[in-house]
Amino acid sequence: NASPEPVKKGKTITVTGALTRASWDYNKYYGYGAQSVKLQFVKKGSTTWSTLKTVTTDANGNLKTTVTASVDGAFRYVYAGVSTTAAVTSGGDAVDVQ
């Protein structure tokens, strides 16, 4: 989730998310801590995503970072995966920069 929306150019956008993985022993999803996840951005009208930074999940799998608003577009998080957990890409969250 990227907020606030809309946002003024030059202001701070906070991008949050969460990384979870299944526990088949308990039939439940749990936050996946201490994992590196890429924050990506695509400009409105483009199809090319660019990596802005790498963010590390907290102990509960939560993600939170800030970026400066510059142009309309969308943010997403991309997790590359490990041997026991598949890669995953979040849906994009659009931002309107005014």
C-alpha atoms as a PDB file:
ATOM      1  CA  ASN A   1       0.000   0.000   0.000  1.00  0.00           C
ATOM      2  CA  ALA A   2       1.367   3.402  -1.019  1.00  0.00           C
ATOM      3  CA  SER A   3       0.027   6.456   0.796  1.00  0.00           C
ATOM      4  CA  PRO A   4      -1.040   9.207   0.897  1.00  0.00           C
ATOM      5  CA  GLU A   5      -3.011   9.295  -2.337  1.00  0.00           C
ATOM      6  CA  PRO A   6      -2.963  11.700  -4.045  1.00  0.00           C
ATOM      7  CA  VAL A   7       0.406  13.142  -3.045  1.00  0.00           C
ATOM      8  CA  LYS A   8       2.128  16.397  -3.933  1.00  0.00           C
ATOM      9  CA  LYS A   9       5.339  16.238  -5.946  1.00  0.00           C
ATOM     10  CA  GLY A  10       8.376  16.236  -3.653  1.00  0.00           C
ATOM     11  CA  LYS A  11       6.447  14.943  -0.639  1.00  0.00           C
ATOM     12  CA  THR A  12       7.046  11.621   1.104  1.00  0.00           C
ATOM     13  CA  ILE A  13       5.191   8.445   0.156  1.00  0.00           C
ATOM     14  CA  THR A  14       5.099   5.547   2.615  1.00  0.00           C
ATOM     15  CA  VAL A  15       4.961   2.094   1.031  1.00  0.00           C
ATOM     16  CA  THR A  16       3.901  -0.756   3.301  1.00  0.00           C
ATOM     17  CA  GLY A  17       3.347  -4.462   2.845  1.00  0.00           C
ATOM     18  CA  ALA A  18       3.831  -7.857   4.423  1.00  0.00           C
ATOM     19  CA  LEU A  19       5.607 -11.056   3.479  1.00  0.00           C
ATOM     20  CA  THR A  20       3.998 -14.261   4.708  1.00  0.00           C
ATOM     21  CA  ARG A  21       4.613 -17.949   4.198  1.00  0.00           C
ATOM     22  CA  ALA A  22       2.586 -21.045   4.912  1.00  0.00           C
ATOM     23  CA  SER A  23       3.145 -23.327   7.861  1.00  0.00           C
ATOM     24  CA  TRP A  24       1.816 -26.687   6.712  1.00  0.00           C
ATOM     25  CA  ASP A  25       2.177 -28.002  10.267  1.00  0.00           C
ATOM     26  CA  TYR A  26      -0.389 -25.482  11.548  1.00  0.00           C
ATOM     27  CA  ASN A  27      -2.347 -24.792   8.323  1.00  0.00           C
ATOM     28  CA  LYS A  28      -1.733 -21.091   8.788  1.00  0.00           C
ATOM     29  CA  TYR A  29       0.243 -18.226   7.259  1.00  0.00           C
ATOM     30  CA  TYR A  30       2.895 -16.464   9.313  1.00  0.00           C
ATOM     31  CA  GLY A  31       4.948 -13.324   8.772  1.00  0.00           C
ATOM     32  CA  TYR A  32       8.376 -14.060   7.298  1.00  0.00           C
ATOM     33  CA  GLY A  33      10.982 -11.963   9.086  1.00  0.00           C
ATOM     34  CA  ALA A  34      14.500 -10.849   8.160  1.00  0.00           C
ATOM     35  CA  GLN A  35      13.948 -11.224   4.407  1.00  0.00           C
ATOM     36  CA  SER A  36      15.205  -8.873   1.689  1.00  0.00           C
ATOM     37  CA  VAL A  37      12.471  -7.593  -0.605  1.00  0.00           C
ATOM     38  CA  LYS A  38      12.857  -5.203  -3.543  1.00  0.00           C
ATOM     39  CA  LEU A  39      10.666  -2.125  -3.878  1.00  0.00           C
ATOM     40  CA  GLN A  40       9.958  -1.412  -7.537  1.00  0.00           C
ATOM     41  CA  PHE A  41       8.302   1.463  -9.399  1.00  0.00           C
ATOM     42  CA  VAL A  42       6.816   1.833 -12.871  1.00  0.00           C
ATOM     43  CA  LYS A  43       5.966   5.210 -14.404  1.00  0.00           C
ATOM     44  CA  LYS A  44       2.415   5.677 -15.652  1.00  0.00           C
ATOM     45  CA  GLY A  45       2.229   4.570 -19.283  1.00  0.00           C
ATOM     46  CA  SER A  46       5.332   2.364 -19.043  1.00  0.00           C
ATOM     47  CA  THR A  47       5.698  -1.389 -18.603  1.00  0.00           C
ATOM     48  CA  THR A  48       9.269  -1.339 -17.287  1.00  0.00           C
ATOM     49  CA  TRP A  49       9.638  -1.730 -13.532  1.00  0.00           C
ATOM     50  CA  SER A  50      12.721  -0.270 -11.837  1.00  0.00           C
ATOM     51  CA  THR A  51      14.112  -1.333  -8.470  1.00  0.00           C
ATOM     52  CA  LEU A  52      14.302   1.653  -6.113  1.00  0.00           C
ATOM     53  CA  LYS A  53      15.689  -0.033  -3.008  1.00  0.00           C
ATOM     54  CA  THR A  54      15.854  -3.222  -0.990  1.00  0.00           C
ATOM     55  CA  VAL A  55      13.823  -3.368   2.215  1.00  0.00           C
ATOM     56  CA  THR A  56      14.165  -5.956   5.002  1.00  0.00           C
ATOM     57  CA  THR A  57      11.061  -7.392   6.642  1.00  0.00           C
ATOM     58  CA  ASP A  58      10.736  -6.939  10.395  1.00  0.00           C
ATOM     59  CA  ALA A  59      10.354  -9.908  12.755  1.00  0.00           C
ATOM     60  CA  ASN A  60       6.662 -10.194  11.827  1.00  0.00           C
ATOM     61  CA  GLY A  61       7.205  -9.995   8.068  1.00  0.00           C
ATOM     62  CA  ASN A  62       6.087  -6.379   7.743  1.00  0.00           C
ATOM     63  CA  LEU A  63       7.581  -4.017   5.174  1.00  0.00           C
ATOM     64  CA  LYS A  64       7.694  -0.241   5.458  1.00  0.00           C
ATOM     65  CA  THR A  65       9.783   2.335   3.634  1.00  0.00           C
ATOM     66  CA  THR A  66       9.514   5.861   2.286  1.00  0.00           C
ATOM     67  CA  VAL A  67      10.251   7.419  -1.089  1.00  0.00           C
ATOM     68  CA  THR A  68       9.896  10.892  -2.552  1.00  0.00           C
ATOM     69  CA  ALA A  69       6.965  11.458  -4.911  1.00  0.00           C
ATOM     70  CA  SER A  70       8.033  12.540  -8.386  1.00  0.00           C
ATOM     71  CA  VAL A  71       5.696  11.218 -11.102  1.00  0.00           C
ATOM     72  CA  ASP A  72       2.476   9.208 -11.450  1.00  0.00           C
ATOM     73  CA  GLY A  73       3.019   5.462 -11.393  1.00  0.00           C
ATOM     74  CA  ALA A  74       2.795   2.367  -9.237  1.00  0.00           C
ATOM     75  CA  PHE A  75       4.831   0.610  -6.567  1.00  0.00           C
ATOM     76  CA  ARG A  76       5.220  -3.087  -5.875  1.00  0.00           C
ATOM     77  CA  TYR A  77       7.326  -5.389  -3.707  1.00  0.00           C
ATOM     78  CA  VAL A  78       9.245  -8.323  -5.220  1.00  0.00           C
ATOM     79  CA  TYR A  79      10.564 -11.231  -3.149  1.00  0.00           C
ATOM     80  CA  ALA A  80      13.080 -13.480  -4.931  1.00  0.00           C
ATOM     81  CA  GLY A  81      12.346 -16.537  -2.804  1.00  0.00           C
ATOM     82  CA  VAL A  82      14.601 -19.087  -1.132  1.00  0.00           C
ATOM     83  CA  SER A  83      14.851 -22.879  -1.313  1.00  0.00           C
ATOM     84  CA  THR A  84      11.895 -23.335   1.060  1.00  0.00           C
ATOM     85  CA  THR A  85       9.738 -20.383  -0.020  1.00  0.00           C
ATOM     86  CA  ALA A  86       8.620 -19.456  -3.541  1.00  0.00           C
ATOM     87  CA  ALA A  87       9.220 -16.086  -5.153  1.00  0.00           C
ATOM     88  CA  VAL A  88       6.302 -13.661  -5.087  1.00  0.00           C
ATOM     89  CA  THR A  89       5.452 -10.269  -6.557  1.00  0.00           C
ATOM     90  CA  SER A  90       2.780  -8.055  -5.021  1.00  0.00           C
ATOM     91  CA  GLY A  91       0.166  -6.318  -7.079  1.00  0.00           C
ATOM     92  CA  GLY A  92       1.025  -2.760  -8.059  1.00  0.00           C
ATOM     93  CA  ASP A  93      -0.431   0.138  -6.077  1.00  0.00           C
ATOM     94  CA  ALA A  94      -0.897   3.276  -8.158  1.00  0.00           C
ATOM     95  CA  VAL A  95      -0.082   6.766  -6.910  1.00  0.00           C
ATOM     96  CA  ASP A  96      -1.328  10.070  -8.276  1.00  0.00           C
ATOM     97  CA  VAL A  97       1.342  12.755  -7.970  1.00  0.00           C
ATOM     98  CA  GLN A  98       0.059  16.322  -8.217  1.00  0.00           C
END
